[in-house]
Amino acid sequence: MGKKDIQFNLRIPEELKNKVDDAAKANQRSINAEATSRLYDSFVMNDNIQVEAAKIVEKFLRSHSPTERKKVVAKRLNFVLSELKKIYHFREFTIAELAFEIREDTADEAEAWFRAELEPTFGQLEKIAQHTSVNPNWLLFGKQTPYDIQHTRLNEYLEKDIKLLLGSNPNNEYLNNSRVKEIKFIRELSETGQLIILKIYENYAVETFSPPYHISNVNGDGGYRSLLYFCLLTKVLLRYYHPNVSIHSHLLPEEQFKLILTGTVHPLTIVEKLHHIPWIDDLADKLPDGILDYWNGFDVLRARIIQDFAKEKYIQTIWNDPELHLKHPIQL
C-alpha cells in the first residue's frame, strides 16, 4: 500500500513564505516540494547533529580515560614530584608551578597528566625532565634509570675540566640558561674511597658525575697519577673560583653512596643533609698541621700526596707558574 499524502493548513510569516518561494524557483520545483524537502532535511540534520555530538563526547571521554600508557606516565610523574618535594627548596612545589615553569598556559591539563586522564606530549615530557633533573629516556620511555649518572673520566687537562665542572651545559637549554652555583665532591666512606661530583645550578638543576677516581691508597701507578692531578685541579678551583662558586666536600656511608649510583633517587635528597668536611681543602695542603683523620688512612694518604705533589714536575710547573693568576678564572 503506497504512502498517502496528507494535507494540512500551516500559517507562516510572510517573510518566510517569500523565502520558500525564492528557494523553489532557484531549485526549479513547486513550493510544496520545496517546503516538504526542507522539513525532511531538518530532521536528518538534527539526527546528524546528535550523532556528531555523541562522537565528540565519546572522543572526549576516551581521551580522558586512563590507558596503560597514561597510567605509567602518571606514575613516573608522581614519583618525580615526590622526589622533588623531599628537597628543601622544593618542599612546597606544586603541579601548577611545574606547569608555569614549562610555560603551559594553565595548570588544568598538567594536573590531568598526574591523574592519568591525559598524556603529555613528548615535548612536554622533555621539558619536565630538564626542569626536574630527571633522565628523559626514563620519563618518556621507561628506559635506563630515573636519574642519570655520568660515568665520565676527567680530561686531565686543567682548562677543559674547569669548564666541565663550572661551565653551563650547552646541550641542555634549561641548564645552559643557568649558572653553576655549587660543586660537591663526595667521597664514599670505604677503603677504596670512590668519588661522586655533583654540579648544582642556580635553578637547582643537578648533574651527577662518577669519575673513576679513588681517593685512597688503593690505586695503581696510573690511578695514583690521576689522583695527583685531581688534587691540582681542586687546589686551582679553591684558589681562583671559590669566591664565585661554592666548593664543598663531604663523606657518605657506602649504602647511601651506592644508592645515588643506582640512579633511583634524586641525589640532593641525600646530599643536601650532609655537613661540609674539608678533606678536599686539606688533601694536598701542608696546613693545618696535626692529625686530621677524616677517614681511616686519610693522614697516611695525605702525607704521601703532599710529598709526591711537590715532586711531580708537570704539576709543579703549573702550580708555580707566576702567571697562573692571570690565566684563572677562565671565561666560562
Protein backbone atom coordinates (compact mmCIF):
# COMPACT_ATOMS: atom_id res chain seq x y z
CA MET A 1 0.00 0.00 0.00
CA GLY A 2 1.55 3.30 -1.05
CA LYS A 3 2.24 6.25 1.18
CA LYS A 4 -0.67 8.69 1.47
CA ASP A 5 -0.01 12.42 1.38
CA ILE A 6 -1.92 14.39 3.99
CA GLN A 7 -2.92 17.99 3.53
CA PHE A 8 -2.80 20.37 6.49
CA ASN A 9 -3.04 24.10 6.80
CA LEU A 10 0.08 25.91 8.00
CA ARG A 11 0.28 29.57 8.91
CA ILE A 12 3.75 31.08 8.41
CA PRO A 13 5.09 34.64 8.38
CA GLU A 14 5.06 36.36 5.02
CA GLU A 15 8.85 36.79 5.10
CA LEU A 16 9.32 33.02 5.47
CA LYS A 17 6.77 32.35 2.67
CA ASN A 18 8.78 34.62 0.36
CA LYS A 19 11.99 32.74 1.18
CA VAL A 20 10.30 29.41 0.33
CA ASP A 21 9.06 30.89 -2.98
CA ASP A 22 12.54 32.12 -3.89
CA ALA A 23 14.15 28.77 -2.98
CA ALA A 24 11.53 26.87 -5.02
CA LYS A 25 12.25 28.98 -8.09
CA ALA A 26 16.04 28.55 -7.61
CA ASN A 27 15.65 24.76 -7.28
CA GLN A 28 13.06 24.59 -10.09
CA ARG A 29 10.39 22.81 -8.11
CA SER A 30 6.99 23.57 -6.60
CA ILE A 31 6.52 25.44 -3.35
CA ASN A 32 5.05 22.26 -1.82
CA ALA A 33 8.07 20.18 -2.89
CA GLU A 34 10.47 22.79 -1.58
CA ALA A 35 8.73 23.06 1.81
CA THR A 36 8.49 19.25 2.15
CA SER A 37 12.20 18.80 1.27
CA ARG A 38 13.25 21.35 3.81
CA LEU A 39 11.17 19.69 6.54
CA TYR A 40 12.78 16.33 5.80
CA ASP A 41 16.29 17.89 5.82
CA SER A 42 15.70 19.50 9.22
CA PHE A 43 15.06 16.08 10.78
CA VAL A 44 18.04 14.49 9.06
CA MET A 45 20.24 17.39 10.13
CA ASN A 46 19.02 17.08 13.69
CA ASP A 47 19.90 13.36 13.67
CA ASN A 48 23.35 14.10 12.24
CA ILE A 49 24.00 16.76 14.87
CA GLN A 50 23.15 14.27 17.59
CA VAL A 51 25.46 11.66 16.05
CA GLU A 52 28.34 14.16 15.78
CA ALA A 53 27.74 15.35 19.34
CA ALA A 54 27.84 11.74 20.53
CA LYS A 55 31.13 11.22 18.68
CA ILE A 56 32.62 14.34 20.31
CA VAL A 57 31.55 13.22 23.77
CA GLU A 58 32.89 9.70 23.13
CA LYS A 59 36.22 11.09 21.92
CA PHE A 60 36.47 13.35 24.99
CA LEU A 61 35.69 10.50 27.37
CA ARG A 62 38.15 8.20 25.61
CA SER A 63 40.90 10.83 25.71
CA HIS A 64 40.30 11.37 29.43
CA SER A 65 40.06 7.69 30.31
CA PRO A 66 43.15 6.09 31.84
CA THR A 67 45.10 3.88 29.45
CA GLU A 68 48.11 1.75 30.32
CA ARG A 69 50.47 4.37 28.82
CA LYS A 70 48.77 7.22 30.71
CA LYS A 71 48.92 5.25 33.97
CA VAL A 72 52.64 4.52 33.55
CA VAL A 73 53.49 8.12 32.68
CA ALA A 74 51.38 9.41 35.58
CA LYS A 75 53.18 7.04 37.96
CA ARG A 76 56.56 8.35 36.78
CA LEU A 77 55.43 11.98 37.07
CA ASN A 78 54.15 11.47 40.61
CA PHE A 79 57.46 9.81 41.55
CA VAL A 80 59.39 12.79 40.16
CA LEU A 81 57.24 15.23 42.12
CA SER A 82 57.56 13.21 45.34
CA GLU A 83 61.38 13.16 45.00
CA LEU A 84 61.47 16.91 44.42
CA LYS A 85 59.35 17.59 47.49
CA LYS A 86 61.94 15.79 49.65
CA ILE A 87 64.41 18.58 48.81
CA TYR A 88 64.24 21.67 51.00
CA HIS A 89 63.95 24.14 48.12
CA PHE A 90 61.05 22.21 46.55
CA ARG A 91 59.22 21.09 49.71
CA GLU A 92 56.08 23.09 48.76
CA PHE A 93 56.43 22.72 44.99
CA THR A 94 53.11 22.23 43.16
CA ILE A 95 51.93 20.93 39.81
CA ALA A 96 50.78 24.46 38.97
CA GLU A 97 54.33 25.75 39.50
CA LEU A 98 55.69 22.98 37.29
CA ALA A 99 53.18 23.91 34.57
CA PHE A 100 54.28 27.54 34.84
CA GLU A 101 57.97 26.56 34.67
CA ILE A 102 57.49 24.64 31.42
CA ARG A 103 55.36 27.51 30.02
CA GLU A 104 51.94 25.88 29.98
CA ASP A 105 49.00 28.33 29.77
CA THR A 106 47.09 26.73 32.65
CA ALA A 107 47.58 24.05 35.29
CA ASP A 108 44.38 22.09 34.46
CA GLU A 109 45.95 19.96 31.75
CA ALA A 110 49.10 19.36 33.79
CA GLU A 111 47.04 18.15 36.74
CA ALA A 112 45.26 15.73 34.39
CA TRP A 113 48.67 14.23 33.48
CA PHE A 114 49.24 13.30 37.12
CA ARG A 115 45.75 11.71 37.33
CA ALA A 116 46.35 9.61 34.18
CA GLU A 117 43.50 11.41 32.40
CA LEU A 118 45.66 13.00 29.70
CA GLU A 119 49.04 12.09 28.24
CA PRO A 120 51.62 14.89 27.94
CA THR A 121 53.35 15.26 24.60
CA PHE A 122 56.94 14.12 24.18
CA GLY A 123 57.99 17.78 24.09
CA GLN A 124 56.22 18.49 27.39
CA LEU A 125 57.85 15.44 28.99
CA GLU A 126 61.29 16.58 27.80
CA LYS A 127 60.74 20.00 29.41
CA ILE A 128 59.63 18.36 32.66
CA ALA A 129 62.76 16.17 32.60
CA GLN A 130 65.00 19.23 32.20
CA HIS A 131 63.31 21.17 34.99
CA THR A 132 63.42 18.25 37.45
CA SER A 133 66.90 16.81 36.63
CA VAL A 134 65.26 13.55 35.53
CA ASN A 135 66.64 11.28 32.84
CA PRO A 136 64.43 11.99 29.76
CA ASN A 137 64.82 8.42 28.44
CA TRP A 138 63.31 7.12 31.65
CA LEU A 139 60.48 9.67 31.80
CA LEU A 140 59.49 9.22 28.14
CA PHE A 141 60.10 5.52 27.61
CA GLY A 142 60.91 3.89 30.96
CA LYS A 143 64.47 3.10 29.84
CA GLN A 144 67.63 3.39 31.98
CA THR A 145 67.21 4.94 35.46
CA PRO A 146 65.24 7.95 36.76
CA TYR A 147 68.41 9.99 37.40
CA ASP A 148 71.35 9.93 35.02
CA ILE A 149 74.82 9.19 36.43
CA GLN A 150 77.54 10.31 34.03
CA HIS A 151 80.37 7.79 34.31
CA THR A 152 82.93 10.16 32.83
CA ARG A 153 86.68 10.49 33.15
CA LEU A 154 88.08 13.94 33.70
CA ASN A 155 90.10 15.16 30.73
CA GLU A 156 93.16 15.67 32.97
CA TYR A 157 93.62 18.94 31.16
CA LEU A 158 93.04 21.83 33.53
CA GLU A 159 91.08 24.24 31.34
CA LYS A 160 88.79 21.55 29.93
CA ASP A 161 87.98 20.12 33.37
CA ILE A 162 87.25 23.52 34.87
CA LYS A 163 84.82 24.20 32.03
CA LEU A 164 83.29 20.75 32.51
CA LEU A 165 82.69 21.34 36.23
CA LEU A 166 81.89 25.05 36.33
CA GLY A 167 80.52 25.83 32.87
CA SER A 168 76.86 25.51 31.90
CA ASN A 169 75.78 22.57 29.76
CA PRO A 170 75.30 23.83 26.16
CA ASN A 171 73.44 20.63 25.19
CA ASN A 172 70.59 21.36 27.59
CA GLU A 173 68.67 24.61 27.11
CA TYR A 174 67.46 24.74 30.71
CA LEU A 175 70.97 24.20 32.11
CA ASN A 176 72.60 26.49 29.58
CA ASN A 177 70.40 29.36 30.78
CA SER A 178 71.55 28.98 34.39
CA ARG A 179 74.84 29.47 36.23
CA VAL A 180 76.62 26.80 38.26
CA LYS A 181 76.41 27.83 41.92
CA GLU A 182 77.98 24.87 43.75
CA ILE A 183 80.23 21.86 43.27
CA LYS A 184 80.11 18.99 45.76
CA PHE A 185 82.90 16.40 45.98
CA ILE A 186 81.54 13.33 47.77
CA ARG A 187 83.82 10.51 48.89
CA GLU A 188 82.48 7.09 49.81
CA LEU A 189 83.38 6.07 53.36
CA SER A 190 85.09 2.86 52.32
CA GLU A 191 88.60 1.56 51.84
CA THR A 192 88.58 2.33 48.10
CA GLY A 193 87.07 5.82 48.51
CA GLN A 194 85.05 6.10 45.30
CA LEU A 195 84.10 9.63 44.19
CA ILE A 196 80.90 11.39 43.08
CA ILE A 197 80.83 15.00 41.88
CA LEU A 198 77.58 16.98 41.95
CA LYS A 199 77.23 20.07 39.79
CA ILE A 200 74.38 22.23 41.12
CA TYR A 201 72.91 25.14 39.17
CA GLU A 202 71.21 28.31 40.43
CA ASN A 203 67.86 26.90 39.25
CA TYR A 204 68.58 23.81 41.42
CA ALA A 205 69.09 21.53 38.45
CA VAL A 206 71.76 18.89 39.12
CA GLU A 207 74.27 16.93 37.06
CA THR A 208 75.93 13.91 38.66
CA PHE A 209 79.39 12.66 37.65
CA SER A 210 81.06 9.44 38.75
CA PRO A 211 84.68 9.65 37.55
CA PRO A 212 86.86 6.55 38.03
CA TYR A 213 88.91 8.14 40.82
CA HIS A 214 89.57 6.58 44.19
CA ILE A 215 90.55 8.93 47.00
CA SER A 216 92.70 6.34 48.75
CA ASN A 217 95.94 4.39 48.58
CA VAL A 218 94.11 1.63 46.71
CA ASN A 219 95.43 2.82 43.34
CA GLY A 220 97.87 1.57 40.74
CA ASP A 221 100.50 3.91 39.30
CA GLY A 222 98.12 5.34 36.69
CA GLY A 223 95.34 5.83 39.21
CA TYR A 224 97.68 7.50 41.66
CA ARG A 225 98.96 9.94 39.00
CA SER A 226 95.34 10.78 38.23
CA LEU A 227 94.77 11.39 41.94
CA LEU A 228 97.68 13.86 41.98
CA TYR A 229 96.15 15.66 39.00
CA PHE A 230 92.79 15.71 40.81
CA CYS A 231 94.49 17.44 43.75
CA LEU A 232 95.93 20.05 41.37
CA LEU A 233 92.50 20.65 39.87
CA THR A 234 90.83 21.12 43.25
CA LYS A 235 93.60 23.42 44.51
CA VAL A 236 93.12 25.66 41.44
CA LEU A 237 89.35 25.61 41.91
CA LEU A 238 89.64 26.56 45.58
CA ARG A 239 92.19 29.30 44.99
CA TYR A 240 90.68 31.03 41.95
CA TYR A 241 87.00 30.07 41.65
CA HIS A 242 85.73 29.58 45.18
CA PRO A 243 84.51 33.19 45.59
CA ASN A 244 82.03 32.73 42.71
CA VAL A 245 81.19 29.04 43.03
CA SER A 246 80.75 27.27 46.37
CA ILE A 247 83.04 24.24 46.60
CA HIS A 248 82.29 21.72 49.32
CA SER A 249 83.42 18.21 50.15
CA HIS A 250 81.54 15.51 52.01
CA LEU A 251 81.81 11.93 53.23
CA LEU A 252 78.99 9.48 52.65
CA PRO A 253 78.42 5.95 54.04
CA GLU A 254 78.65 3.14 51.49
CA GLU A 255 74.94 2.30 51.47
CA GLN A 256 73.82 5.86 50.69
CA PHE A 257 76.70 6.38 48.26
CA LYS A 258 75.70 3.30 46.27
CA LEU A 259 72.05 4.39 46.37
CA ILE A 260 72.98 7.57 44.49
CA LEU A 261 74.91 5.48 41.95
CA THR A 262 71.79 3.39 41.24
CA GLY A 263 70.15 6.50 39.78
CA THR A 264 66.89 5.68 41.56
CA VAL A 265 66.81 8.74 43.86
CA HIS A 266 67.36 12.44 43.37
CA PRO A 267 70.93 12.90 44.71
CA LEU A 268 70.03 16.07 46.61
CA THR A 269 67.57 14.14 48.79
CA ILE A 270 70.66 12.54 50.35
CA VAL A 271 73.45 15.04 49.84
CA GLU A 272 71.78 18.26 51.00
CA LYS A 273 71.68 16.90 54.56
CA LEU A 274 75.46 16.36 54.72
CA HIS A 275 77.87 18.60 56.61
CA HIS A 276 80.91 20.05 54.90
CA ILE A 277 84.07 18.09 55.76
CA PRO A 278 87.10 19.90 54.29
CA TRP A 279 89.03 16.87 53.09
CA ILE A 280 89.23 18.42 49.63
CA ASP A 281 90.93 21.50 51.11
CA ASP A 282 93.43 19.53 53.17
CA LEU A 283 94.30 16.55 50.99
CA ALA A 284 97.25 18.23 49.23
CA ASP A 285 97.83 21.10 51.67
CA LYS A 286 100.63 21.19 54.26
CA LEU A 287 98.45 23.23 56.59
CA PRO A 288 96.91 22.60 59.02
CA ASP A 289 99.47 20.51 60.89
CA GLY A 290 98.48 17.56 63.02
CA ILE A 291 96.23 14.55 62.65
CA LEU A 292 93.02 15.11 60.75
CA ASP A 293 91.73 11.54 60.48
CA TYR A 294 88.74 12.32 58.22
CA TRP A 295 88.66 8.59 57.45
CA ASN A 296 90.81 5.60 58.25
CA GLY A 297 94.03 6.16 56.29
CA PHE A 298 93.46 9.82 55.42
CA ASP A 299 96.61 11.11 57.14
CA VAL A 300 98.83 8.46 55.51
CA LEU A 301 97.38 9.28 52.09
CA ARG A 302 97.74 13.00 52.72
CA ALA A 303 101.41 12.70 53.69
CA ARG A 304 102.12 10.72 50.54
CA ILE A 305 100.27 13.17 48.27
CA ILE A 306 101.97 16.24 49.77
CA GLN A 307 105.36 14.64 49.21
CA ASP A 308 104.67 13.45 45.66
CA PHE A 309 102.76 16.59 44.68
CA ALA A 310 105.98 18.54 45.21
CA LYS A 311 107.97 16.02 43.13
CA GLU A 312 105.66 15.79 40.12
CA LYS A 313 107.31 18.08 37.59
CA TYR A 314 104.33 18.89 35.36
CA ILE A 315 102.18 19.68 38.42
CA GLN A 316 104.77 21.99 39.92
CA THR A 317 105.24 23.69 36.54
CA ILE A 318 101.56 24.59 36.50
CA TRP A 319 101.17 25.33 40.22
CA ASN A 320 104.24 27.58 40.40
CA ASP A 321 103.57 29.39 37.13
CA PRO A 322 103.96 33.10 38.02
CA GLU A 323 101.18 33.95 35.59
CA LEU A 324 98.73 31.34 36.86
CA HIS A 325 96.63 34.04 38.49
CA LEU A 326 96.30 35.76 35.09
CA LYS A 327 95.03 32.59 33.44
CA HIS A 328 92.34 31.99 36.05
CA PRO A 329 89.48 32.33 36.35
CA ILE A 330 88.96 31.43 32.70
CA GLN A 331 85.91 32.68 30.85
CA LEU A 332 83.21 30.03 31.12
